Amino acid sequence: MTLSACNTTSNGPTVVSLGQSDVTGTSNFTTINLFNGATATATNVGFLIPTSGFSTSQPSVYRFNVDMRARMRYLLVSVSPQTTALMNVNARLGFPEAIPTTATSGGVNTWVEG
């Protein structure tokens, strides 16, 4: 997922999460804790979103490596930006053995795997 550059270095998203469901309709989705990002630690938060240091000239890139063998039929990406932001979500499906395994090797800012 790519979020547009922020207007200030502290205006990143407050929530970035992935939900799953076997049926359509947004009310049917449950958040996958491992892929639930927030700005504060909690038992239902899988990763922390930085609260500062966002680029005012470059987009923020998040990559979720999702092992689909353990997931339901439908996935839903949820993002709560602090300011208006453009977002692009790109799903790459493939074999888990053939993908990069770190943020550096994957060319992204934030790496979540599960």
PDB file of N, CA and C in Angstrom:
ATOM      1  N   MET A   1       0.844  -1.152   0.000  1.00  0.00           N
ATOM      2  CA  MET A   1       0.000   0.000   0.000  1.00  0.00           C
ATOM      3  C   MET A   1       0.895   1.223   0.000  1.00  0.00           C
ATOM      4  N   THR A   2       0.549   2.204  -0.791  1.00  0.00           N
ATOM      5  CA  THR A   2       1.308   3.443  -0.854  1.00  0.00           C
ATOM      6  C   THR A   2       0.394   4.599  -0.454  1.00  0.00           C
ATOM      7  N   LEU A   3       0.856   5.407   0.509  1.00  0.00           N
ATOM      8  CA  LEU A   3       0.140   6.614   0.921  1.00  0.00           C
ATOM      9  C   LEU A   3       0.912   7.822   0.424  1.00  0.00           C
ATOM     10  N   SER A   4       0.212   8.825  -0.048  1.00  0.00           N
ATOM     11  CA  SER A   4       0.871  10.023  -0.565  1.00  0.00           C
ATOM     12  C   SER A   4       1.676  10.721   0.524  1.00  0.00           C
ATOM     13  N   ALA A   5       2.613  11.561   0.119  1.00  0.00           N
ATOM     14  CA  ALA A   5       3.439  12.319   1.066  1.00  0.00           C
ATOM     15  C   ALA A   5       2.548  13.152   1.982  1.00  0.00           C
ATOM     16  N   CYS A   6       2.984  13.344   3.218  1.00  0.00           N
ATOM     17  CA  CYS A   6       2.221  14.094   4.221  1.00  0.00           C
ATOM     18  C   CYS A   6       2.526  15.587   4.120  1.00  0.00           C
ATOM     19  N   ASN A   7       1.601  16.416   4.606  1.00  0.00           N
ATOM     20  CA  ASN A   7       1.841  17.856   4.597  1.00  0.00           C
ATOM     21  C   ASN A   7       2.791  18.274   5.720  1.00  0.00           C
ATOM     22  N   THR A   8       2.912  17.467   6.784  1.00  0.00           N
ATOM     23  CA  THR A   8       3.916  17.681   7.827  1.00  0.00           C
ATOM     24  C   THR A   8       4.488  16.317   8.193  1.00  0.00           C
ATOM     25  N   THR A   9       5.629  16.289   8.854  1.00  0.00           N
ATOM     26  CA  THR A   9       6.285  15.026   9.179  1.00  0.00           C
ATOM     27  C   THR A   9       5.571  14.238  10.271  1.00  0.00           C
ATOM     28  N   SER A  10       4.523  14.807  10.892  1.00  0.00           N
ATOM     29  CA  SER A  10       3.790  14.097  11.946  1.00  0.00           C
ATOM     30  C   SER A  10       2.386  13.689  11.517  1.00  0.00           C
ATOM     31  N   ASN A  11       2.032  13.847  10.252  1.00  0.00           N
ATOM     32  CA  ASN A  11       0.670  13.552   9.801  1.00  0.00           C
ATOM     33  C   ASN A  11       0.541  12.226   9.074  1.00  0.00           C
ATOM     34  N   GLY A  12       1.113  11.183   9.625  1.00  0.00           N
ATOM     35  CA  GLY A  12       0.941   9.852   9.056  1.00  0.00           C
ATOM     36  C   GLY A  12      -0.396   9.270   9.468  1.00  0.00           C
ATOM     37  N   PRO A  13      -0.703   8.058   9.022  1.00  0.00           N
ATOM     38  CA  PRO A  13      -1.974   7.433   9.399  1.00  0.00           C
ATOM     39  C   PRO A  13      -1.986   7.030  10.868  1.00  0.00           C
ATOM     40  N   THR A  14      -3.170   6.985  11.455  1.00  0.00           N
ATOM     41  CA  THR A  14      -3.300   6.526  12.843  1.00  0.00           C
ATOM     42  C   THR A  14      -3.694   5.056  12.900  1.00  0.00           C
ATOM     43  N   VAL A  15      -4.268   4.541  11.820  1.00  0.00           N
ATOM     44  CA  VAL A  15      -4.647   3.133  11.726  1.00  0.00           C
ATOM     45  C   VAL A  15      -4.330   2.627  10.323  1.00  0.00           C
ATOM     46  N   VAL A  16      -3.703   1.462  10.253  1.00  0.00           N
ATOM     47  CA  VAL A  16      -3.514   0.725   9.005  1.00  0.00           C
ATOM     48  C   VAL A  16      -3.782  -0.729   9.368  1.00  0.00           C
ATOM     49  N   SER A  17      -4.831  -1.323   8.794  1.00  0.00           N
ATOM     50  CA  SER A  17      -5.154  -2.691   9.193  1.00  0.00           C
ATOM     51  C   SER A  17      -5.700  -3.512   8.038  1.00  0.00           C
ATOM     52  N   LEU A  18      -5.714  -4.811   8.265  1.00  0.00           N
ATOM     53  CA  LEU A  18      -6.218  -5.765   7.288  1.00  0.00           C
ATOM     54  C   LEU A  18      -7.270  -6.623   7.986  1.00  0.00           C
ATOM     55  N   GLY A  19      -8.435  -6.725   7.363  1.00  0.00           N
ATOM     56  CA  GLY A  19      -9.501  -7.545   7.908  1.00  0.00           C
ATOM     57  C   GLY A  19      -9.823  -8.690   6.965  1.00  0.00           C
ATOM     58  N   GLN A  20     -10.574  -9.678   7.464  1.00  0.00           N
ATOM     59  CA  GLN A  20     -10.936 -10.830   6.647  1.00  0.00           C
ATOM     60  C   GLN A  20     -12.374 -11.234   6.894  1.00  0.00           C
ATOM     61  N   SER A  21     -12.968 -11.883   5.885  1.00  0.00           N
ATOM     62  CA  SER A  21     -14.342 -12.367   6.001  1.00  0.00           C
ATOM     63  C   SER A  21     -14.588 -13.422   4.927  1.00  0.00           C
ATOM     64  N   ASP A  22     -15.569 -14.277   5.163  1.00  0.00           N
ATOM     65  CA  ASP A  22     -15.979 -15.250   4.149  1.00  0.00           C
ATOM     66  C   ASP A  22     -17.127 -14.726   3.298  1.00  0.00           C
ATOM     67  N   VAL A  23     -17.706 -13.581   3.683  1.00  0.00           N
ATOM     68  CA  VAL A  23     -18.794 -12.959   2.920  1.00  0.00           C
ATOM     69  C   VAL A  23     -18.482 -11.479   2.727  1.00  0.00           C
ATOM     70  N   THR A  24     -19.117 -10.874   1.721  1.00  0.00           N
ATOM     71  CA  THR A  24     -18.887  -9.453   1.459  1.00  0.00           C
ATOM     72  C   THR A  24     -19.708  -8.597   2.409  1.00  0.00           C
ATOM     73  N   GLY A  25     -19.468  -7.306   2.381  1.00  0.00           N
ATOM     74  CA  GLY A  25     -20.146  -6.361   3.274  1.00  0.00           C
ATOM     75  C   GLY A  25     -19.200  -5.976   4.397  1.00  0.00           C
ATOM     76  N   THR A  26     -18.873  -4.696   4.505  1.00  0.00           N
ATOM     77  CA  THR A  26     -17.832  -4.259   5.442  1.00  0.00           C
ATOM     78  C   THR A  26     -18.130  -4.587   6.895  1.00  0.00           C
ATOM     79  N   SER A  27     -19.397  -4.739   7.265  1.00  0.00           N
ATOM     80  CA  SER A  27     -19.712  -5.047   8.661  1.00  0.00           C
ATOM     81  C   SER A  27     -19.367  -6.490   9.028  1.00  0.00           C
ATOM     82  N   ASN A  28     -19.075  -7.333   8.049  1.00  0.00           N
ATOM     83  CA  ASN A  28     -18.766  -8.738   8.298  1.00  0.00           C
ATOM     84  C   ASN A  28     -17.281  -9.008   8.533  1.00  0.00           C
ATOM     85  N   PHE A  29     -16.419  -8.016   8.336  1.00  0.00           N
ATOM     86  CA  PHE A  29     -14.977  -8.222   8.420  1.00  0.00           C
ATOM     87  C   PHE A  29     -14.475  -8.122   9.852  1.00  0.00           C
ATOM     88  N   THR A  30     -13.534  -8.994  10.193  1.00  0.00           N
ATOM     89  CA  THR A  30     -12.855  -8.911  11.483  1.00  0.00           C
ATOM     90  C   THR A  30     -11.389  -8.586  11.223  1.00  0.00           C
ATOM     91  N   THR A  31     -10.827  -7.753  12.058  1.00  0.00           N
ATOM     92  CA  THR A  31      -9.432  -7.347  11.909  1.00  0.00           C
ATOM     93  C   THR A  31      -8.512  -8.485  12.302  1.00  0.00           C
ATOM     94  N   ILE A  32      -7.482  -8.701  11.505  1.00  0.00           N
ATOM     95  CA  ILE A  32      -6.460  -9.693  11.817  1.00  0.00           C
ATOM     96  C   ILE A  32      -5.435  -8.991  12.704  1.00  0.00           C
ATOM     97  N   ASN A  33      -5.324  -9.410  13.974  1.00  0.00           N
ATOM     98  CA  ASN A  33      -4.477  -8.699  14.940  1.00  0.00           C
ATOM     99  C   ASN A  33      -3.051  -8.499  14.461  1.00  0.00           C
ATOM    100  N   LEU A  34      -2.451  -9.485  13.833  1.00  0.00           N
ATOM    101  CA  LEU A  34      -1.082  -9.368  13.345  1.00  0.00           C
ATOM    102  C   LEU A  34      -0.934  -8.215  12.358  1.00  0.00           C
ATOM    103  N   PHE A  35      -1.984  -7.946  11.583  1.00  0.00           N
ATOM    104  CA  PHE A  35      -1.967  -6.892  10.574  1.00  0.00           C
ATOM    105  C   PHE A  35      -2.745  -5.660  11.019  1.00  0.00           C
ATOM    106  N   ASN A  36      -2.848  -5.447  12.312  1.00  0.00           N
ATOM    107  CA  ASN A  36      -3.530  -4.275  12.853  1.00  0.00           C
ATOM    108  C   ASN A  36      -2.479  -3.291  13.351  1.00  0.00           C
ATOM    109  N   GLY A  37      -2.271  -2.214  12.616  1.00  0.00           N
ATOM    110  CA  GLY A  37      -1.275  -1.219  12.987  1.00  0.00           C
ATOM    111  C   GLY A  37      -1.920  -0.018  13.638  1.00  0.00           C
ATOM    112  N   ALA A  38      -1.271   0.487  14.683  1.00  0.00           N
ATOM    113  CA  ALA A  38      -1.755   1.672  15.393  1.00  0.00           C
ATOM    114  C   ALA A  38      -0.546   2.428  15.930  1.00  0.00           C
ATOM    115  N   THR A  39      -0.797   3.613  16.490  1.00  0.00           N
ATOM    116  CA  THR A  39       0.298   4.453  16.988  1.00  0.00           C
ATOM    117  C   THR A  39       0.638   4.178  18.442  1.00  0.00           C
ATOM    118  N   ALA A  40      -0.104   3.296  19.108  1.00  0.00           N
ATOM    119  CA  ALA A  40       0.178   2.951  20.517  1.00  0.00           C
ATOM    120  C   ALA A  40       0.085   1.448  20.688  1.00  0.00           C
ATOM    121  N   THR A  41       0.868   0.916  21.591  1.00  0.00           N
ATOM    122  CA  THR A  41       0.878  -0.515  21.863  1.00  0.00           C
ATOM    123  C   THR A  41      -0.405  -0.942  22.572  1.00  0.00           C
ATOM    124  N   ALA A  42      -0.962  -2.054  22.152  1.00  0.00           N
ATOM    125  CA  ALA A  42      -2.133  -2.656  22.795  1.00  0.00           C
ATOM    126  C   ALA A  42      -2.122  -4.149  22.461  1.00  0.00           C
ATOM    127  N   THR A  43      -2.953  -4.917  23.142  1.00  0.00           N
ATOM    128  CA  THR A  43      -2.967  -6.357  22.901  1.00  0.00           C
ATOM    129  C   THR A  43      -3.477  -6.720  21.514  1.00  0.00           C
ATOM    130  N   ASN A  44      -4.266  -5.848  20.898  1.00  0.00           N
ATOM    131  CA  ASN A  44      -4.795  -6.142  19.574  1.00  0.00           C
ATOM    132  C   ASN A  44      -4.018  -5.436  18.460  1.00  0.00           C
ATOM    133  N   VAL A  45      -2.831  -4.924  18.760  1.00  0.00           N
ATOM    134  CA  VAL A  45      -2.005  -4.225  17.768  1.00  0.00           C
ATOM    135  C   VAL A  45      -0.842  -5.118  17.377  1.00  0.00           C
ATOM    136  N   GLY A  46      -0.726  -5.400  16.091  1.00  0.00           N
ATOM    137  CA  GLY A  46       0.334  -6.270  15.601  1.00  0.00           C
ATOM    138  C   GLY A  46       1.620  -5.546  15.267  1.00  0.00           C
ATOM    139  N   PHE A  47       1.512  -4.261  14.880  1.00  0.00           N
ATOM    140  CA  PHE A  47       2.709  -3.477  14.586  1.00  0.00           C
ATOM    141  C   PHE A  47       2.440  -2.008  14.871  1.00  0.00           C
ATOM    142  N   LEU A  48       3.500  -1.271  15.157  1.00  0.00           N
ATOM    143  CA  LEU A  48       3.369   0.152  15.473  1.00  0.00           C
ATOM    144  C   LEU A  48       3.594   1.002  14.238  1.00  0.00           C
ATOM    145  N   ILE A  49       2.741   1.999  14.071  1.00  0.00           N
ATOM    146  CA  ILE A  49       2.904   2.998  13.024  1.00  0.00           C
ATOM    147  C   ILE A  49       3.702   4.142  13.642  1.00  0.00           C
ATOM    148  N   PRO A  50       4.765   4.596  13.017  1.00  0.00           N
ATOM    149  CA  PRO A  50       5.522   5.714  13.587  1.00  0.00           C
ATOM    150  C   PRO A  50       4.628   6.943  13.759  1.00  0.00           C
ATOM    151  N   THR A  51       4.904   7.756  14.774  1.00  0.00           N
ATOM    152  CA  THR A  51       4.110   8.972  14.999  1.00  0.00           C
ATOM    153  C   THR A  51       4.805  10.212  14.445  1.00  0.00           C
ATOM    154  N   SER A  52       6.003  10.051  13.919  1.00  0.00           N
ATOM    155  CA  SER A  52       6.700  11.187  13.309  1.00  0.00           C
ATOM    156  C   SER A  52       7.692  10.655  12.290  1.00  0.00           C
ATOM    157  N   GLY A  53       8.307  11.568  11.575  1.00  0.00           N
ATOM    158  CA  GLY A  53       9.318  11.184  10.595  1.00  0.00           C
ATOM    159  C   GLY A  53       8.767  10.866   9.224  1.00  0.00           C
ATOM    160  N   PHE A  54       7.500  11.188   8.973  1.00  0.00           N
ATOM    161  CA  PHE A  54       6.929  10.956   7.655  1.00  0.00           C
ATOM    162  C   PHE A  54       7.488  11.971   6.669  1.00  0.00           C
ATOM    163  N   SER A  55       7.650  11.558   5.438  1.00  0.00           N
ATOM    164  CA  SER A  55       8.219  12.431   4.414  1.00  0.00           C
ATOM    165  C   SER A  55       7.166  13.388   3.869  1.00  0.00           C
ATOM    166  N   THR A  56       7.579  14.629   3.656  1.00  0.00           N
ATOM    167  CA  THR A  56       6.683  15.605   3.018  1.00  0.00           C
ATOM    168  C   THR A  56       6.884  15.611   1.508  1.00  0.00           C
ATOM    169  N   SER A  57       7.815  14.798   1.013  1.00  0.00           N
ATOM    170  CA  SER A  57       8.060  14.750  -0.429  1.00  0.00           C
ATOM    171  C   SER A  57       7.988  13.344  -1.015  1.00  0.00           C
ATOM    172  N   GLN A  58       8.051  12.311  -0.182  1.00  0.00           N
ATOM    173  CA  GLN A  58       8.018  10.932  -0.662  1.00  0.00           C
ATOM    174  C   GLN A  58       6.843  10.178  -0.036  1.00  0.00           C
ATOM    175  N   PRO A  59       6.241   9.250  -0.768  1.00  0.00           N
ATOM    176  CA  PRO A  59       5.134   8.471  -0.191  1.00  0.00           C
ATOM    177  C   PRO A  59       5.624   7.486   0.860  1.00  0.00           C
ATOM    178  N   SER A  60       4.724   7.066   1.738  1.00  0.00           N
ATOM    179  CA  SER A  60       4.997   6.001   2.709  1.00  0.00           C
ATOM    180  C   SER A  60       4.522   4.691   2.097  1.00  0.00           C
ATOM    181  N   VAL A  61       5.342   3.652   2.199  1.00  0.00           N
ATOM    182  CA  VAL A  61       5.019   2.367   1.604  1.00  0.00           C
ATOM    183  C   VAL A  61       4.912   1.312   2.705  1.00  0.00           C
ATOM    184  N   TYR A  62       3.809   0.586   2.720  1.00  0.00           N
ATOM    185  CA  TYR A  62       3.579  -0.499   3.675  1.00  0.00           C
ATOM    186  C   TYR A  62       3.414  -1.785   2.874  1.00  0.00           C
ATOM    187  N   ARG A  63       4.040  -2.859   3.318  1.00  0.00           N
ATOM    188  CA  ARG A  63       3.875  -4.145   2.643  1.00  0.00           C
ATOM    189  C   ARG A  63       3.426  -5.173   3.660  1.00  0.00           C
ATOM    190  N   PHE A  64       2.315  -5.844   3.340  1.00  0.00           N
ATOM    191  CA  PHE A  64       1.822  -6.950   4.149  1.00  0.00           C
ATOM    192  C   PHE A  64       2.049  -8.225   3.354  1.00  0.00           C
ATOM    193  N   ASN A  65       2.866  -9.117   3.862  1.00  0.00           N
ATOM    194  CA  ASN A  65       3.008 -10.441   3.263  1.00  0.00           C
ATOM    195  C   ASN A  65       2.014 -11.345   3.954  1.00  0.00           C
ATOM    196  N   VAL A  66       0.968 -11.707   3.254  1.00  0.00           N
ATOM    197  CA  VAL A  66      -0.140 -12.454   3.838  1.00  0.00           C
ATOM    198  C   VAL A  66      -0.126 -13.890   3.323  1.00  0.00           C
ATOM    199  N   ASP A  67       0.020 -14.830   4.225  1.00  0.00           N
ATOM    200  CA  ASP A  67      -0.068 -16.237   3.868  1.00  0.00           C
ATOM    201  C   ASP A  67      -1.552 -16.576   3.737  1.00  0.00           C
ATOM    202  N   MET A  68      -2.015 -16.709   2.526  1.00  0.00           N
ATOM    203  CA  MET A  68      -3.447 -16.886   2.267  1.00  0.00           C
ATOM    204  C   MET A  68      -3.975 -18.248   2.691  1.00  0.00           C
ATOM    205  N   ARG A  69      -3.100 -19.187   2.991  1.00  0.00           N
ATOM    206  CA  ARG A  69      -3.564 -20.512   3.405  1.00  0.00           C
ATOM    207  C   ARG A  69      -4.336 -20.447   4.718  1.00  0.00           C
ATOM    208  N   ALA A  70      -4.065 -19.433   5.540  1.00  0.00           N
ATOM    209  CA  ALA A  70      -4.737 -19.329   6.843  1.00  0.00           C
ATOM    210  C   ALA A  70      -5.834 -18.259   6.844  1.00  0.00           C
ATOM    211  N   ARG A  71      -6.192 -17.709   5.694  1.00  0.00           N
ATOM    212  CA  ARG A  71      -7.124 -16.578   5.634  1.00  0.00           C
ATOM    213  C   ARG A  71      -8.471 -16.960   5.031  1.00  0.00           C
ATOM    214  N   MET A  72      -9.444 -16.105   5.330  1.00  0.00           N
ATOM    215  CA  MET A  72     -10.779 -16.262   4.759  1.00  0.00           C
ATOM    216  C   MET A  72     -10.779 -15.770   3.310  1.00  0.00           C
ATOM    217  N   ARG A  73     -11.915 -15.849   2.666  1.00  0.00           N
ATOM    218  CA  ARG A  73     -12.018 -15.578   1.228  1.00  0.00           C
ATOM    219  C   ARG A  73     -11.765 -14.125   0.854  1.00  0.00           C
ATOM    220  N   TYR A  74     -12.238 -13.156   1.647  1.00  0.00           N
ATOM    221  CA  TYR A  74     -12.138 -11.740   1.303  1.00  0.00           C
ATOM    222  C   TYR A  74     -11.235 -11.003   2.290  1.00  0.00           C
ATOM    223  N   LEU A  75     -10.468 -10.041   1.773  1.00  0.00           N
ATOM    224  CA  LEU A  75      -9.623  -9.190   2.605  1.00  0.00           C
ATOM    225  C   LEU A  75     -10.045  -7.742   2.425  1.00  0.00           C
ATOM    226  N   LEU A  76      -9.876  -6.939   3.476  1.00  0.00           N
ATOM    227  CA  LEU A  76     -10.237  -5.521   3.446  1.00  0.00           C
ATOM    228  C   LEU A  76      -9.121  -4.713   4.092  1.00  0.00           C
ATOM    229  N   VAL A  77      -8.572  -3.753   3.362  1.00  0.00           N
ATOM    230  CA  VAL A  77      -7.552  -2.851   3.899  1.00  0.00           C
ATOM    231  C   VAL A  77      -8.258  -1.620   4.444  1.00  0.00           C
ATOM    232  N   SER A  78      -7.934  -1.236   5.693  1.00  0.00           N
ATOM    233  CA  SER A  78      -8.508  -0.038   6.310  1.00  0.00           C
ATOM    234  C   SER A  78      -7.382   0.908   6.705  1.00  0.00           C
ATOM    235  N   VAL A  79      -7.561   2.187   6.368  1.00  0.00           N
ATOM    236  CA  VAL A  79      -6.557   3.206   6.675  1.00  0.00           C
ATOM    237  C   VAL A  79      -7.274   4.441   7.194  1.00  0.00           C
ATOM    238  N   SER A  80      -6.730   5.033   8.264  1.00  0.00           N
ATOM    239  CA  SER A  80      -7.264   6.289   8.796  1.00  0.00           C
ATOM    240  C   SER A  80      -6.159   7.335   8.776  1.00  0.00           C
ATOM    241  N   PRO A  81      -6.086   8.128   7.698  1.00  0.00           N
ATOM    242  CA  PRO A  81      -5.070   9.175   7.654  1.00  0.00           C
ATOM    243  C   PRO A  81      -5.490  10.367   8.509  1.00  0.00           C
ATOM    244  N   GLN A  82      -4.514  11.118   9.026  1.00  0.00           N
ATOM    245  CA  GLN A  82      -4.826  12.318   9.814  1.00  0.00           C
ATOM    246  C   GLN A  82      -5.254  13.471   8.924  1.00  0.00           C
ATOM    247  N   THR A  83      -4.795  13.464   7.689  1.00  0.00           N
ATOM    248  CA  THR A  83      -5.178  14.486   6.718  1.00  0.00           C
ATOM    249  C   THR A  83      -5.562  13.777   5.431  1.00  0.00           C
ATOM    250  N   THR A  84      -6.103  14.517   4.482  1.00  0.00           N
ATOM    251  CA  THR A  84      -6.463  13.936   3.202  1.00  0.00           C
ATOM    252  C   THR A  84      -5.230  13.316   2.556  1.00  0.00           C
ATOM    253  N   ALA A  85      -5.372  12.095   2.083  1.00  0.00           N
ATOM    254  CA  ALA A  85      -4.236  11.398   1.475  1.00  0.00           C
ATOM    255  C   ALA A  85      -4.722  10.553   0.312  1.00  0.00           C
ATOM    256  N   LEU A  86      -3.866  10.395  -0.668  1.00  0.00           N
ATOM    257  CA  LEU A  86      -4.130   9.479  -1.769  1.00  0.00           C
ATOM    258  C   LEU A  86      -3.546   8.131  -1.386  1.00  0.00           C
ATOM    259  N   MET A  87      -4.244   7.060  -1.736  1.00  0.00           N
ATOM    260  CA  MET A  87      -3.794   5.733  -1.354  1.00  0.00           C
ATOM    261  C   MET A  87      -3.894   4.795  -2.539  1.00  0.00           C
ATOM    262  N   ASN A  88      -2.916   3.921  -2.654  1.00  0.00           N
ATOM    263  CA  ASN A  88      -2.901   2.900  -3.681  1.00  0.00           C
ATOM    264  C   ASN A  88      -2.649   1.559  -2.998  1.00  0.00           C
ATOM    265  N   VAL A  89      -3.510   0.583  -3.254  1.00  0.00           N
ATOM    266  CA  VAL A  89      -3.335  -0.752  -2.686  1.00  0.00           C
ATOM    267  C   VAL A  89      -3.077  -1.708  -3.840  1.00  0.00           C
ATOM    268  N   ASN A  90      -2.019  -2.505  -3.710  1.00  0.00           N
ATOM    269  CA  ASN A  90      -1.626  -3.436  -4.743  1.00  0.00           C
ATOM    270  C   ASN A  90      -1.455  -4.813  -4.105  1.00  0.00           C
ATOM    271  N   ALA A  91      -2.183  -5.795  -4.575  1.00  0.00           N
ATOM    272  CA  ALA A  91      -2.067  -7.150  -4.032  1.00  0.00           C
ATOM    273  C   ALA A  91      -1.199  -7.991  -4.955  1.00  0.00           C
ATOM    274  N   ARG A  92      -0.184  -8.623  -4.374  1.00  0.00           N
ATOM    275  CA  ARG A  92       0.668  -9.553  -5.113  1.00  0.00           C
ATOM    276  C   ARG A  92       0.477 -10.936  -4.508  1.00  0.00           C
ATOM    277  N   LEU A  93       0.019 -11.834  -5.298  1.00  0.00           N
ATOM    278  CA  LEU A  93      -0.210 -13.190  -4.817  1.00  0.00           C
ATOM    279  C   LEU A  93       0.902 -14.084  -5.344  1.00  0.00           C
ATOM    280  N   GLY A  94       1.408 -14.956  -4.494  1.00  0.00           N
ATOM    281  CA  GLY A  94       2.482 -15.835  -4.916  1.00  0.00           C
ATOM    282  C   GLY A  94       2.819 -16.835  -3.835  1.00  0.00           C
ATOM    283  N   PHE A  95       3.905 -17.542  -4.043  1.00  0.00           N
ATOM    284  CA  PHE A  95       4.362 -18.543  -3.086  1.00  0.00           C
ATOM    285  C   PHE A  95       5.203 -17.881  -2.010  1.00  0.00           C
ATOM    286  N   PRO A  96       4.942 -18.150  -0.717  1.00  0.00           N
ATOM    287  CA  PRO A  96       5.694 -17.517   0.371  1.00  0.00           C
ATOM    288  C   PRO A  96       7.204 -17.730   0.287  1.00  0.00           C
ATOM    289  N   GLU A  97       7.666 -18.823  -0.282  1.00  0.00           N
ATOM    290  CA  GLU A  97       9.096 -19.107  -0.334  1.00  0.00           C
ATOM    291  C   GLU A  97       9.837 -18.191  -1.310  1.00  0.00           C
ATOM    292  N   ALA A  98       9.120 -17.539  -2.231  1.00  0.00           N
ATOM    293  CA  ALA A  98       9.767 -16.798  -3.308  1.00  0.00           C
ATOM    294  C   ALA A  98       9.654 -15.285  -3.171  1.00  0.00           C
ATOM    295  N   ILE A  99       9.456 -14.762  -1.960  1.00  0.00           N
ATOM    296  CA  ILE A  99       9.299 -13.324  -1.780  1.00  0.00           C
ATOM    297  C   ILE A  99      10.404 -12.774  -0.887  1.00  0.00           C
ATOM    298  N   PRO A 100      10.703 -11.468  -0.987  1.00  0.00           N
ATOM    299  CA  PRO A 100      11.673 -10.870  -0.057  1.00  0.00           C
ATOM    300  C   PRO A 100      11.181 -11.035   1.381  1.00  0.00           C
ATOM    301  N   THR A 101      12.118 -10.937   2.333  1.00  0.00           N
ATOM    302  CA  THR A 101      11.744 -11.198   3.722  1.00  0.00           C
ATOM    303  C   THR A 101      12.006 -10.039   4.679  1.00  0.00           C
ATOM    304  N   THR A 102      12.512  -8.906   4.180  1.00  0.00           N
ATOM    305  CA  THR A 102      12.771  -7.750   5.040  1.00  0.00           C
ATOM    306  C   THR A 102      12.320  -6.482   4.337  1.00  0.00           C
ATOM    307  N   ALA A 103      12.144  -5.402   5.113  1.00  0.00           N
ATOM    308  CA  ALA A 103      11.768  -4.116   4.528  1.00  0.00           C
ATOM    309  C   ALA A 103      12.827  -3.651   3.532  1.00  0.00           C
ATOM    310  N   THR A 104      14.089  -3.845   3.864  1.00  0.00           N
ATOM    311  CA  THR A 104      15.170  -3.409   2.982  1.00  0.00           C
ATOM    312  C   THR A 104      15.153  -4.179   1.669  1.00  0.00           C
ATOM    313  N   SER A 105      15.073  -5.503   1.731  1.00  0.00           N
ATOM    314  CA  SER A 105      15.083  -6.291   0.498  1.00  0.00           C
ATOM    315  C   SER A 105      13.795  -6.110  -0.302  1.00  0.00           C
ATOM    316  N   GLY A 106      12.710  -5.733   0.383  1.00  0.00           N
ATOM    317  CA  GLY A 106      11.443  -5.492  -0.300  1.00  0.00           C
ATOM    318  C   GLY A 106      11.280  -4.064  -0.787  1.00  0.00           C
ATOM    319  N   GLY A 107      12.198  -3.154  -0.392  1.00  0.00           N
ATOM    320  CA  GLY A 107      12.139  -1.773  -0.855  1.00  0.00           C
ATOM    321  C   GLY A 107      10.992  -0.960  -0.279  1.00  0.00           C
ATOM    322  N   VAL A 108      10.631  -1.204   0.990  1.00  0.00           N
ATOM    323  CA  VAL A 108       9.497  -0.499   1.602  1.00  0.00           C
ATOM    324  C   VAL A 108       9.907   0.065   2.970  1.00  0.00           C
ATOM    325  N   ASN A 109       9.053   0.935   3.531  1.00  0.00           N
ATOM    326  CA  ASN A 109       9.283   1.525   4.849  1.00  0.00           C
ATOM    327  C   ASN A 109       8.840   0.592   5.981  1.00  0.00           C
ATOM    328  N   THR A 110       7.684  -0.038   5.830  1.00  0.00           N
ATOM    329  CA  THR A 110       7.113  -0.857   6.886  1.00  0.00           C
ATOM    330  C   THR A 110       6.816  -2.251   6.339  1.00  0.00           C
ATOM    331  N   TRP A 111       7.236  -3.292   7.062  1.00  0.00           N
ATOM    332  CA  TRP A 111       7.088  -4.675   6.620  1.00  0.00           C
ATOM    333  C   TRP A 111       6.360  -5.468   7.694  1.00  0.00           C
ATOM    334  N   VAL A 112       5.240  -6.090   7.328  1.00  0.00           N
ATOM    335  CA  VAL A 112       4.472  -6.912   8.257  1.00  0.00           C
ATOM    336  C   VAL A 112       4.243  -8.258   7.592  1.00  0.00           C
ATOM    337  N   GLU A 113       4.482  -9.331   8.313  1.00  0.00           N
ATOM    338  CA  GLU A 113       4.373 -10.657   7.714  1.00  0.00           C
ATOM    339  C   GLU A 113       3.630 -11.597   8.643  1.00  0.00           C
ATOM    340  N   GLY A 114       2.790 -12.453   8.063  1.00  0.00           N
ATOM    341  CA  GLY A 114       2.086 -13.419   8.901  1.00  0.00           C
ATOM    342  C   GLY A 114       1.164 -14.311   8.146  1.00  0.00           C
TER     343      GLY A 114
END
